[in-house]
Amino acid sequence: MCRIVTSYIVCVAAVLSMATKVSVANDWLNATLDGRWDTAANWSQGVVPTMTPDVNGNVNITPSGTGSNACVLDGTMSQAVCQWLHINGELKVVAGGRMGEPIWGPGETFLGENGDAVITIDGNNSHLRSEAWHLGATGTTTTIDTNYPGTCTVNVTNGGMMTMVWWGNWIGPKSTINLINGTLRELGDWGLLIAKGGKIIMSGKNALIQFQETQVYDANEQFKLLTALVAAGKIVSNSPRCTLVVADRNHDLAGWATVRVTGCPCTTFAAGDFNLDCYVDFRDFAGFAGSWLSCIDPTDANCL
């Protein structure tokens, strides 16, 4: 599984770390109702999640942690750290909030194991980096083994960044990553598996996927992977008016295979252009109608 010598240490560390993972979790409670990750009283262990001891870093945002009880990480807080991140509720990384960069962790992030999961990464310098991502699925380097029951959504918007690293990344059949002028980055050349039904949906001129090309046996391995995912309809544009262009490392940023949105003619978007394709039409109305009254929590300011 470890294909080059420089990856050997990372693989050994991953195996040892996973072997020591414990079942006891530091559950998100939002006991103070301030919604802040950095408030110790909001966690069942009474401490803000840390890397050690592992019991404090095995984080669980439960199904009750949604809406006004969502966990929020923003730029007023120090970088968040944890060993393992389980999302069965809602995590908001916004306004310059950071997790996993530059400090290592979480080691693995699991969405939808016991309920629906939503992560929002919004705004410039907002960044969530995990060494592995399980969006509604477990897996190996070549297969998706088990699908979780929850529906999983990651929204990367307005300059936010989601980073995948070393240990493998899986998107299950009920999982979606929405890149709306946001960036999805993969480091370490370990790729991505997307089950039938899973999708990455790109919209806005600044939506970007960057996969690092480091494989010594095939310098364009990630370019081929991204090309195949686009061809299979697993990475798509949010509108038929805007197409996707895949570029290898020699035609874009050095060292990256990329996917970008192209073909949208405007430089700014009208207020009703929800799918960011430069037209306000029935496609926008359909998206608006599909989410009409989807929020029913009167205490959630986002519903107003």
C-alpha atoms as a PDB file:
ATOM      1  CA  MET A   1       0.000   0.000   0.000  1.00  0.00           C
ATOM      2  CA  CYS A   2       2.893   2.333   0.632  1.00  0.00           C
ATOM      3  CA  ARG A   3       4.355   2.855  -2.792  1.00  0.00           C
ATOM      4  CA  ILE A   4       7.435   4.932  -2.205  1.00  0.00           C
ATOM      5  CA  VAL A   5      10.028   4.955   0.545  1.00  0.00           C
ATOM      6  CA  THR A   6       9.097   8.432   1.730  1.00  0.00           C
ATOM      7  CA  SER A   7       5.556   7.208   2.408  1.00  0.00           C
ATOM      8  CA  TYR A   8       6.692   4.326   4.616  1.00  0.00           C
ATOM      9  CA  ILE A   9       6.990   6.379   7.799  1.00  0.00           C
ATOM     10  CA  VAL A  10       3.581   7.939   7.219  1.00  0.00           C
ATOM     11  CA  CYS A  11       1.998   4.515   6.717  1.00  0.00           C
ATOM     12  CA  VAL A  12       3.569   3.073   9.862  1.00  0.00           C
ATOM     13  CA  ALA A  13       2.420   6.098  11.866  1.00  0.00           C
ATOM     14  CA  ALA A  14      -1.089   5.726  10.474  1.00  0.00           C
ATOM     15  CA  VAL A  15      -1.324   2.049  11.423  1.00  0.00           C
ATOM     16  CA  LEU A  16       0.018   2.631  14.928  1.00  0.00           C
ATOM     17  CA  SER A  17      -2.261   5.604  15.479  1.00  0.00           C
ATOM     18  CA  MET A  18      -5.358   3.751  14.261  1.00  0.00           C
ATOM     19  CA  ALA A  19      -4.463   0.789  16.461  1.00  0.00           C
ATOM     20  CA  THR A  20      -4.561   3.024  19.540  1.00  0.00           C
ATOM     21  CA  LYS A  21      -7.882   4.724  18.719  1.00  0.00           C
ATOM     22  CA  VAL A  22     -10.332   4.354  21.591  1.00  0.00           C
ATOM     23  CA  SER A  23     -14.105   4.230  21.559  1.00  0.00           C
ATOM     24  CA  VAL A  24     -14.737   6.841  24.259  1.00  0.00           C
ATOM     25  CA  ALA A  25     -15.632  10.141  22.602  1.00  0.00           C
ATOM     26  CA  ASN A  26     -15.534  13.792  23.538  1.00  0.00           C
ATOM     27  CA  ASP A  27     -19.141  14.595  22.577  1.00  0.00           C
ATOM     28  CA  TRP A  28     -20.301  18.013  21.434  1.00  0.00           C
ATOM     29  CA  LEU A  29     -22.986  19.280  23.842  1.00  0.00           C
ATOM     30  CA  ASN A  30     -23.156  23.059  23.254  1.00  0.00           C
ATOM     31  CA  ALA A  31     -24.018  23.319  26.937  1.00  0.00           C
ATOM     32  CA  THR A  32     -23.348  27.068  27.044  1.00  0.00           C
ATOM     33  CA  LEU A  33     -25.364  27.649  23.839  1.00  0.00           C
ATOM     34  CA  ASP A  34     -22.559  29.823  22.423  1.00  0.00           C
ATOM     35  CA  GLY A  35     -21.810  27.268  19.671  1.00  0.00           C
ATOM     36  CA  ARG A  36     -18.044  27.737  20.007  1.00  0.00           C
ATOM     37  CA  TRP A  37     -15.582  24.883  19.507  1.00  0.00           C
ATOM     38  CA  ASP A  38     -13.139  26.533  21.934  1.00  0.00           C
ATOM     39  CA  THR A  39     -15.531  26.586  24.924  1.00  0.00           C
ATOM     40  CA  ALA A  40     -14.527  23.729  27.251  1.00  0.00           C
ATOM     41  CA  ALA A  41     -17.990  23.425  28.821  1.00  0.00           C
ATOM     42  CA  ASN A  42     -19.449  22.579  25.401  1.00  0.00           C
ATOM     43  CA  TRP A  43     -17.666  19.197  25.449  1.00  0.00           C
ATOM     44  CA  SER A  44     -18.584  16.093  27.430  1.00  0.00           C
ATOM     45  CA  GLN A  45     -15.025  15.634  28.691  1.00  0.00           C
ATOM     46  CA  GLY A  46     -14.966  19.218  29.965  1.00  0.00           C
ATOM     47  CA  VAL A  47     -11.976  20.132  27.805  1.00  0.00           C
ATOM     48  CA  VAL A  48     -11.557  21.533  24.316  1.00  0.00           C
ATOM     49  CA  PRO A  49     -10.475  18.635  22.027  1.00  0.00           C
ATOM     50  CA  THR A  50      -6.736  17.998  21.927  1.00  0.00           C
ATOM     51  CA  MET A  51      -4.449  15.438  20.329  1.00  0.00           C
ATOM     52  CA  THR A  52      -3.606  13.677  23.611  1.00  0.00           C
ATOM     53  CA  PRO A  53      -4.872  11.927  25.581  1.00  0.00           C
ATOM     54  CA  ASP A  54      -6.798  10.256  22.812  1.00  0.00           C
ATOM     55  CA  VAL A  55     -10.044  10.262  24.796  1.00  0.00           C
ATOM     56  CA  ASN A  56     -10.122  14.078  24.448  1.00  0.00           C
ATOM     57  CA  GLY A  57      -9.325  14.016  20.744  1.00  0.00           C
ATOM     58  CA  ASN A  58     -11.919  11.434  19.658  1.00  0.00           C
ATOM     59  CA  VAL A  59     -14.547  14.037  18.747  1.00  0.00           C
ATOM     60  CA  ASN A  60     -18.210  13.244  18.123  1.00  0.00           C
ATOM     61  CA  ILE A  61     -20.646  15.893  16.887  1.00  0.00           C
ATOM     62  CA  THR A  62     -23.951  14.124  17.480  1.00  0.00           C
ATOM     63  CA  PRO A  63     -27.275  14.398  15.592  1.00  0.00           C
ATOM     64  CA  SER A  64     -28.505  16.925  18.185  1.00  0.00           C
ATOM     65  CA  GLY A  65     -25.683  19.250  17.162  1.00  0.00           C
ATOM     66  CA  THR A  66     -27.476  20.899  14.224  1.00  0.00           C
ATOM     67  CA  GLY A  67     -29.073  24.263  13.478  1.00  0.00           C
ATOM     68  CA  SER A  68     -28.625  26.600  16.453  1.00  0.00           C
ATOM     69  CA  ASN A  69     -26.652  23.829  18.220  1.00  0.00           C
ATOM     70  CA  ALA A  70     -24.153  23.388  15.391  1.00  0.00           C
ATOM     71  CA  CYS A  71     -20.472  23.458  16.309  1.00  0.00           C
ATOM     72  CA  VAL A  72     -18.748  26.597  14.988  1.00  0.00           C
ATOM     73  CA  LEU A  73     -15.051  27.190  14.399  1.00  0.00           C
ATOM     74  CA  ASP A  74     -14.101  30.664  13.209  1.00  0.00           C
ATOM     75  CA  GLY A  75     -11.117  32.943  12.858  1.00  0.00           C
ATOM     76  CA  THR A  76     -11.475  34.374  16.367  1.00  0.00           C
ATOM     77  CA  MET A  77     -10.361  30.985  17.759  1.00  0.00           C
ATOM     78  CA  SER A  78      -6.997  29.265  17.761  1.00  0.00           C
ATOM     79  CA  GLN A  79      -6.636  26.455  15.274  1.00  0.00           C
ATOM     80  CA  ALA A  80      -8.776  23.472  16.277  1.00  0.00           C
ATOM     81  CA  VAL A  81      -7.084  20.097  16.717  1.00  0.00           C
ATOM     82  CA  CYS A  82      -8.359  16.586  17.324  1.00  0.00           C
ATOM     83  CA  GLN A  83      -7.296  13.006  16.695  1.00  0.00           C
ATOM     84  CA  TRP A  84     -10.515  11.655  15.149  1.00  0.00           C
ATOM     85  CA  LEU A  85     -13.529  13.597  13.920  1.00  0.00           C
ATOM     86  CA  HIS A  86     -16.995  12.008  13.743  1.00  0.00           C
ATOM     87  CA  ILE A  87     -19.746  14.197  12.252  1.00  0.00           C
ATOM     88  CA  ASN A  88     -23.366  13.121  12.623  1.00  0.00           C
ATOM     89  CA  GLY A  89     -24.597  16.666  13.037  1.00  0.00           C
ATOM     90  CA  GLU A  90     -23.259  19.982  11.765  1.00  0.00           C
ATOM     91  CA  LEU A  91     -19.800  21.600  11.822  1.00  0.00           C
ATOM     92  CA  LYS A  92     -19.245  25.137  10.531  1.00  0.00           C
ATOM     93  CA  VAL A  93     -15.686  26.215   9.714  1.00  0.00           C
ATOM     94  CA  VAL A  94     -16.180  29.861   8.776  1.00  0.00           C
ATOM     95  CA  ALA A  95     -14.621  33.336   8.647  1.00  0.00           C
ATOM     96  CA  GLY A  96     -11.029  32.115   8.758  1.00  0.00           C
ATOM     97  CA  GLY A  97     -11.537  29.107  11.030  1.00  0.00           C
ATOM     98  CA  ARG A  98      -8.896  26.374  10.678  1.00  0.00           C
ATOM     99  CA  MET A  99      -8.485  22.717  11.572  1.00  0.00           C
ATOM    100  CA  GLY A 100      -5.652  20.335  10.637  1.00  0.00           C
ATOM    101  CA  GLU A 101      -3.408  23.061   9.209  1.00  0.00           C
ATOM    102  CA  PRO A 102      -0.621  23.756   9.951  1.00  0.00           C
ATOM    103  CA  ILE A 103      -0.879  21.391  12.959  1.00  0.00           C
ATOM    104  CA  TRP A 104      -1.472  17.741  12.000  1.00  0.00           C
ATOM    105  CA  GLY A 105      -4.928  16.218  12.494  1.00  0.00           C
ATOM    106  CA  PRO A 106      -7.635  15.057  12.434  1.00  0.00           C
ATOM    107  CA  GLY A 107      -6.232  11.691  11.467  1.00  0.00           C
ATOM    108  CA  GLU A 108      -9.536  10.560   9.974  1.00  0.00           C
ATOM    109  CA  THR A 109     -12.887  12.275   9.509  1.00  0.00           C
ATOM    110  CA  PHE A 110     -16.104  10.217   9.413  1.00  0.00           C
ATOM    111  CA  LEU A 111     -19.447  11.614   8.230  1.00  0.00           C
ATOM    112  CA  GLY A 112     -22.850   9.943   8.467  1.00  0.00           C
ATOM    113  CA  GLU A 113     -22.090   6.943  10.695  1.00  0.00           C
ATOM    114  CA  ASN A 114     -25.146   7.530  12.914  1.00  0.00           C
ATOM    115  CA  GLY A 115     -27.063  10.382  11.304  1.00  0.00           C
ATOM    116  CA  ASP A 116     -27.039  13.012   8.599  1.00  0.00           C
ATOM    117  CA  ALA A 117     -23.901  15.145   8.473  1.00  0.00           C
ATOM    118  CA  VAL A 118     -23.179  18.646   7.191  1.00  0.00           C
ATOM    119  CA  ILE A 119     -19.844  20.463   7.094  1.00  0.00           C
ATOM    120  CA  THR A 120     -19.635  24.044   5.869  1.00  0.00           C
ATOM    121  CA  ILE A 121     -16.223  25.524   5.058  1.00  0.00           C
ATOM    122  CA  ASP A 122     -16.918  29.121   4.132  1.00  0.00           C
ATOM    123  CA  GLY A 123     -14.780  32.184   3.476  1.00  0.00           C
ATOM    124  CA  ASN A 124     -11.190  33.005   2.600  1.00  0.00           C
ATOM    125  CA  ASN A 125      -8.626  31.254   4.844  1.00  0.00           C
ATOM    126  CA  SER A 126     -11.267  28.869   6.226  1.00  0.00           C
ATOM    127  CA  HIS A 127      -9.636  25.449   5.964  1.00  0.00           C
ATOM    128  CA  LEU A 128     -10.374  21.911   7.128  1.00  0.00           C
ATOM    129  CA  ARG A 129      -7.637  19.361   6.456  1.00  0.00           C
ATOM    130  CA  SER A 130      -7.914  15.675   7.362  1.00  0.00           C
ATOM    131  CA  GLU A 131      -5.513  12.836   6.681  1.00  0.00           C
ATOM    132  CA  ALA A 132      -8.457  10.721   5.453  1.00  0.00           C
ATOM    133  CA  TRP A 133     -12.109  11.402   4.642  1.00  0.00           C
ATOM    134  CA  HIS A 134     -15.006   8.956   4.954  1.00  0.00           C
ATOM    135  CA  LEU A 135     -18.079  10.692   3.527  1.00  0.00           C
ATOM    136  CA  GLY A 136     -20.778   8.144   4.214  1.00  0.00           C
ATOM    137  CA  ALA A 137     -18.480   5.198   3.535  1.00  0.00           C
ATOM    138  CA  THR A 138     -15.542   3.162   4.716  1.00  0.00           C
ATOM    139  CA  GLY A 139     -13.097   1.647   2.268  1.00  0.00           C
ATOM    140  CA  THR A 140      -9.714   0.362   1.244  1.00  0.00           C
ATOM    141  CA  THR A 141      -7.342   1.783  -1.337  1.00  0.00           C
ATOM    142  CA  THR A 142      -9.327   0.086  -4.116  1.00  0.00           C
ATOM    143  CA  THR A 143     -12.932  -0.362  -2.887  1.00  0.00           C
ATOM    144  CA  ILE A 144     -15.733   1.189  -0.873  1.00  0.00           C
ATOM    145  CA  ASP A 145     -16.614  -1.496   1.667  1.00  0.00           C
ATOM    146  CA  THR A 146     -19.508  -0.190   3.759  1.00  0.00           C
ATOM    147  CA  ASN A 147     -21.983   2.643   3.281  1.00  0.00           C
ATOM    148  CA  TYR A 148     -23.137   4.574   6.355  1.00  0.00           C
ATOM    149  CA  PRO A 149     -26.847   5.303   6.864  1.00  0.00           C
ATOM    150  CA  GLY A 150     -26.557   9.087   6.970  1.00  0.00           C
ATOM    151  CA  THR A 151     -26.753  11.564   4.101  1.00  0.00           C
ATOM    152  CA  CYS A 152     -23.564  13.641   3.983  1.00  0.00           C
ATOM    153  CA  THR A 153     -22.955  17.103   2.564  1.00  0.00           C
ATOM    154  CA  VAL A 154     -19.792  19.203   2.554  1.00  0.00           C
ATOM    155  CA  ASN A 155     -20.187  22.789   1.314  1.00  0.00           C
ATOM    156  CA  VAL A 156     -16.913  24.511   0.413  1.00  0.00           C
ATOM    157  CA  THR A 157     -17.795  28.088  -0.431  1.00  0.00           C
ATOM    158  CA  ASN A 158     -16.479  31.610  -1.003  1.00  0.00           C
ATOM    159  CA  GLY A 159     -12.758  30.814  -0.883  1.00  0.00           C
ATOM    160  CA  GLY A 160     -12.917  28.002   1.685  1.00  0.00           C
ATOM    161  CA  MET A 161     -10.659  24.961   1.309  1.00  0.00           C
ATOM    162  CA  MET A 162     -11.093  21.237   2.042  1.00  0.00           C
ATOM    163  CA  THR A 163      -7.878  19.186   1.996  1.00  0.00           C
ATOM    164  CA  MET A 164      -7.495  15.408   1.712  1.00  0.00           C
ATOM    165  CA  VAL A 165      -4.124  13.876   2.556  1.00  0.00           C
ATOM    166  CA  TRP A 166      -2.520  10.488   3.119  1.00  0.00           C
ATOM    167  CA  TRP A 167      -4.772   7.666   4.231  1.00  0.00           C
ATOM    168  CA  GLY A 168      -7.392   7.411   1.484  1.00  0.00           C
ATOM    169  CA  ASN A 169     -10.633   9.238   0.728  1.00  0.00           C
ATOM    170  CA  TRP A 170     -14.120   7.836   0.042  1.00  0.00           C
ATOM    171  CA  ILE A 171     -17.426   9.436  -0.988  1.00  0.00           C
ATOM    172  CA  GLY A 172     -20.439   7.177  -0.485  1.00  0.00           C
ATOM    173  CA  PRO A 173     -23.654   6.984  -2.565  1.00  0.00           C
ATOM    174  CA  LYS A 174     -25.562   9.512  -0.407  1.00  0.00           C
ATOM    175  CA  SER A 175     -22.737  12.025  -0.139  1.00  0.00           C
ATOM    176  CA  THR A 176     -22.037  15.281  -1.954  1.00  0.00           C
ATOM    177  CA  ILE A 177     -19.265  17.861  -1.941  1.00  0.00           C
ATOM    178  CA  ASN A 178     -20.467  21.245  -3.216  1.00  0.00           C
ATOM    179  CA  LEU A 179     -17.619  23.459  -4.412  1.00  0.00           C
ATOM    180  CA  ILE A 180     -19.130  26.926  -4.802  1.00  0.00           C
ATOM    181  CA  ASN A 181     -16.138  29.159  -5.492  1.00  0.00           C
ATOM    182  CA  GLY A 182     -14.200  26.924  -3.093  1.00  0.00           C
ATOM    183  CA  THR A 183     -11.234  24.562  -3.398  1.00  0.00           C
ATOM    184  CA  LEU A 184     -10.829  20.811  -2.894  1.00  0.00           C
ATOM    185  CA  ARG A 185      -7.165  19.825  -2.590  1.00  0.00           C
ATOM    186  CA  GLU A 186      -5.629  16.338  -2.384  1.00  0.00           C
ATOM    187  CA  LEU A 187      -2.045  15.776  -1.220  1.00  0.00           C
ATOM    188  CA  GLY A 188       0.057  12.649  -1.194  1.00  0.00           C
ATOM    189  CA  ASP A 189      -1.137  11.017  -4.403  1.00  0.00           C
ATOM    190  CA  TRP A 190      -3.559   8.609  -2.693  1.00  0.00           C
ATOM    191  CA  GLY A 191      -6.516   9.532  -4.821  1.00  0.00           C
ATOM    192  CA  LEU A 192     -10.244   9.359  -4.243  1.00  0.00           C
ATOM    193  CA  LEU A 193     -13.006   6.767  -4.641  1.00  0.00           C
ATOM    194  CA  ILE A 194     -16.591   7.902  -5.320  1.00  0.00           C
ATOM    195  CA  ALA A 195     -19.463   5.406  -5.193  1.00  0.00           C
ATOM    196  CA  LYS A 196     -22.341   5.483  -7.661  1.00  0.00           C
ATOM    197  CA  GLY A 197     -24.622   8.268  -6.492  1.00  0.00           C
ATOM    198  CA  GLY A 198     -21.848  10.232  -4.787  1.00  0.00           C
ATOM    199  CA  LYS A 199     -20.857  13.518  -6.415  1.00  0.00           C
ATOM    200  CA  ILE A 200     -18.631  16.563  -6.389  1.00  0.00           C
ATOM    201  CA  ILE A 201     -20.629  19.485  -7.814  1.00  0.00           C
ATOM    202  CA  MET A 202     -18.698  22.554  -8.975  1.00  0.00           C
ATOM    203  CA  SER A 203     -20.106  26.030  -9.525  1.00  0.00           C
ATOM    204  CA  GLY A 204     -18.693  29.536  -9.810  1.00  0.00           C
ATOM    205  CA  LYS A 205     -15.614  30.646 -11.740  1.00  0.00           C
ATOM    206  CA  ASN A 206     -13.331  30.130  -8.756  1.00  0.00           C
ATOM    207  CA  ALA A 207     -14.346  26.551  -8.007  1.00  0.00           C
ATOM    208  CA  LEU A 208     -11.167  24.458  -8.154  1.00  0.00           C
ATOM    209  CA  ILE A 209      -9.983  20.884  -7.619  1.00  0.00           C
ATOM    210  CA  GLN A 210      -6.224  20.382  -7.175  1.00  0.00           C
ATOM    211  CA  PHE A 211      -4.691  16.900  -6.937  1.00  0.00           C
ATOM    212  CA  GLN A 212      -0.972  16.582  -6.323  1.00  0.00           C
ATOM    213  CA  GLU A 213       0.996  14.671  -8.968  1.00  0.00           C
ATOM    214  CA  THR A 214       3.871  12.876  -7.206  1.00  0.00           C
ATOM    215  CA  GLN A 215       3.581   9.246  -8.362  1.00  0.00           C
ATOM    216  CA  VAL A 216       7.017   8.195  -9.565  1.00  0.00           C
ATOM    217  CA  TYR A 217       5.589   5.532 -11.870  1.00  0.00           C
ATOM    218  CA  ASP A 218       3.129   7.775 -13.696  1.00  0.00           C
ATOM    219  CA  ALA A 219       3.458  11.554 -13.401  1.00  0.00           C
ATOM    220  CA  ASN A 220      -0.102  12.037 -14.662  1.00  0.00           C
ATOM    221  CA  GLU A 221      -1.835   9.450 -12.480  1.00  0.00           C
ATOM    222  CA  GLN A 222      -4.089  11.983 -10.736  1.00  0.00           C
ATOM    223  CA  PHE A 223      -4.910  13.692 -14.040  1.00  0.00           C
ATOM    224  CA  LYS A 224      -6.155  10.330 -15.316  1.00  0.00           C
ATOM    225  CA  LEU A 225      -8.148   9.798 -12.110  1.00  0.00           C
ATOM    226  CA  LEU A 226      -9.845  13.196 -12.358  1.00  0.00           C
ATOM    227  CA  THR A 227     -10.534  12.718 -16.068  1.00  0.00           C
ATOM    228  CA  ALA A 228     -12.226   9.384 -15.315  1.00  0.00           C
ATOM    229  CA  LEU A 229     -14.344  10.872 -12.494  1.00  0.00           C
ATOM    230  CA  VAL A 230     -15.533  13.704 -14.755  1.00  0.00           C
ATOM    231  CA  ALA A 231     -16.315  11.245 -17.567  1.00  0.00           C
ATOM    232  CA  ALA A 232     -18.293   9.056 -15.142  1.00  0.00           C
ATOM    233  CA  GLY A 233     -20.435  12.009 -14.008  1.00  0.00           C
ATOM    234  CA  LYS A 234     -19.025  11.891 -10.481  1.00  0.00           C
ATOM    235  CA  ILE A 235     -17.453  15.345 -10.761  1.00  0.00           C
ATOM    236  CA  VAL A 236     -19.970  17.638 -12.460  1.00  0.00           C
ATOM    237  CA  SER A 237     -20.790  21.265 -13.174  1.00  0.00           C
ATOM    238  CA  ASN A 238     -23.874  22.692 -11.515  1.00  0.00           C
ATOM    239  CA  SER A 239     -25.181  23.869 -14.899  1.00  0.00           C
ATOM    240  CA  PRO A 240     -25.024  22.511 -18.462  1.00  0.00           C
ATOM    241  CA  ARG A 241     -24.019  26.016 -19.560  1.00  0.00           C
ATOM    242  CA  CYS A 242     -20.727  25.766 -17.657  1.00  0.00           C
ATOM    243  CA  THR A 243     -18.326  22.959 -18.508  1.00  0.00           C
ATOM    244  CA  LEU A 244     -15.397  21.412 -16.678  1.00  0.00           C
ATOM    245  CA  VAL A 245     -11.814  21.374 -17.914  1.00  0.00           C
ATOM    246  CA  VAL A 246      -9.277  18.894 -16.544  1.00  0.00           C
ATOM    247  CA  ALA A 247      -5.602  19.836 -16.875  1.00  0.00           C
ATOM    248  CA  ASP A 248      -2.465  17.832 -16.131  1.00  0.00           C
ATOM    249  CA  ARG A 249       0.538  19.146 -14.221  1.00  0.00           C
ATOM    250  CA  ASN A 250       2.153  20.526 -17.382  1.00  0.00           C
ATOM    251  CA  HIS A 251      -0.782  22.734 -18.327  1.00  0.00           C
ATOM    252  CA  ASP A 252      -1.746  24.325 -15.035  1.00  0.00           C
ATOM    253  CA  LEU A 253      -0.012  24.901 -11.729  1.00  0.00           C
ATOM    254  CA  ALA A 254       3.232  22.948 -11.519  1.00  0.00           C
ATOM    255  CA  GLY A 255       2.725  19.710  -9.639  1.00  0.00           C
ATOM    256  CA  TRP A 256      -1.093  19.735  -9.758  1.00  0.00           C
ATOM    257  CA  ALA A 257      -3.740  18.035 -11.828  1.00  0.00           C
ATOM    258  CA  THR A 258      -6.753  20.338 -11.782  1.00  0.00           C
ATOM    259  CA  VAL A 259     -10.448  20.652 -12.598  1.00  0.00           C
ATOM    260  CA  ARG A 260     -11.895  24.103 -13.264  1.00  0.00           C
ATOM    261  CA  VAL A 261     -15.251  25.493 -14.330  1.00  0.00           C
ATOM    262  CA  THR A 262     -15.241  27.263 -17.691  1.00  0.00           C
ATOM    263  CA  GLY A 263     -17.694  28.580 -20.276  1.00  0.00           C
ATOM    264  CA  CYS A 264     -19.711  30.864 -17.977  1.00  0.00           C
ATOM    265  CA  PRO A 265     -19.663  34.242 -19.763  1.00  0.00           C
ATOM    266  CA  CYS A 266     -20.296  36.730 -16.936  1.00  0.00           C
ATOM    267  CA  THR A 267     -17.914  38.297 -14.451  1.00  0.00           C
ATOM    268  CA  THR A 268     -20.531  38.907 -11.736  1.00  0.00           C
ATOM    269  CA  PHE A 269     -23.648  36.968 -10.778  1.00  0.00           C
ATOM    270  CA  ALA A 270     -27.203  38.258 -10.365  1.00  0.00           C
ATOM    271  CA  ALA A 271     -28.867  37.808  -6.968  1.00  0.00           C
ATOM    272  CA  GLY A 272     -31.190  35.067  -8.269  1.00  0.00           C
ATOM    273  CA  ASP A 273     -28.464  33.121 -10.071  1.00  0.00           C
ATOM    274  CA  PHE A 274     -28.271  30.363  -7.460  1.00  0.00           C
ATOM    275  CA  ASN A 275     -26.355  27.901  -9.656  1.00  0.00           C
ATOM    276  CA  LEU A 276     -23.865  30.569 -10.806  1.00  0.00           C
ATOM    277  CA  ASP A 277     -24.172  29.945 -14.543  1.00  0.00           C
ATOM    278  CA  CYS A 278     -24.764  33.619 -15.470  1.00  0.00           C
ATOM    279  CA  TYR A 279     -28.493  33.164 -16.165  1.00  0.00           C
ATOM    280  CA  VAL A 280     -31.525  33.494 -13.911  1.00  0.00           C
ATOM    281  CA  ASP A 281     -33.923  30.859 -15.188  1.00  0.00           C
ATOM    282  CA  PHE A 282     -36.053  27.873 -14.194  1.00  0.00           C
ATOM    283  CA  ARG A 283     -32.947  25.944 -13.116  1.00  0.00           C
ATOM    284  CA  ASP A 284     -32.489  28.519 -10.365  1.00  0.00           C
ATOM    285  CA  PHE A 285     -36.178  28.416  -9.500  1.00  0.00           C
ATOM    286  CA  ALA A 286     -36.066  24.626  -9.236  1.00  0.00           C
ATOM    287  CA  GLY A 287     -33.156  24.808  -6.808  1.00  0.00           C
ATOM    288  CA  PHE A 288     -34.909  27.497  -4.778  1.00  0.00           C
ATOM    289  CA  ALA A 289     -38.194  25.570  -4.698  1.00  0.00           C
ATOM    290  CA  GLY A 290     -36.426  22.356  -3.746  1.00  0.00           C
ATOM    291  CA  SER A 291     -35.102  23.920  -0.557  1.00  0.00           C
ATOM    292  CA  TRP A 292     -38.195  25.994   0.274  1.00  0.00           C
ATOM    293  CA  LEU A 293     -38.952  25.754   4.003  1.00  0.00           C
ATOM    294  CA  SER A 294     -36.181  23.173   4.440  1.00  0.00           C
ATOM    295  CA  CYS A 295     -35.168  24.899   7.681  1.00  0.00           C
ATOM    296  CA  ILE A 296     -37.856  24.569  10.358  1.00  0.00           C
ATOM    297  CA  ASP A 297     -35.898  25.628  13.454  1.00  0.00           C
ATOM    298  CA  PRO A 298     -37.242  29.039  14.625  1.00  0.00           C
ATOM    299  CA  THR A 299     -34.218  29.484  16.930  1.00  0.00           C
ATOM    300  CA  ASP A 300     -31.764  29.227  14.021  1.00  0.00           C
ATOM    301  CA  ALA A 301     -30.835  32.690  12.739  1.00  0.00           C
ATOM    302  CA  ASN A 302     -30.079  31.177   9.328  1.00  0.00           C
ATOM    303  CA  CYS A 303     -33.794  30.396   8.917  1.00  0.00           C
ATOM    304  CA  LEU A 304     -34.819  34.027   9.058  1.00  0.00           C
END
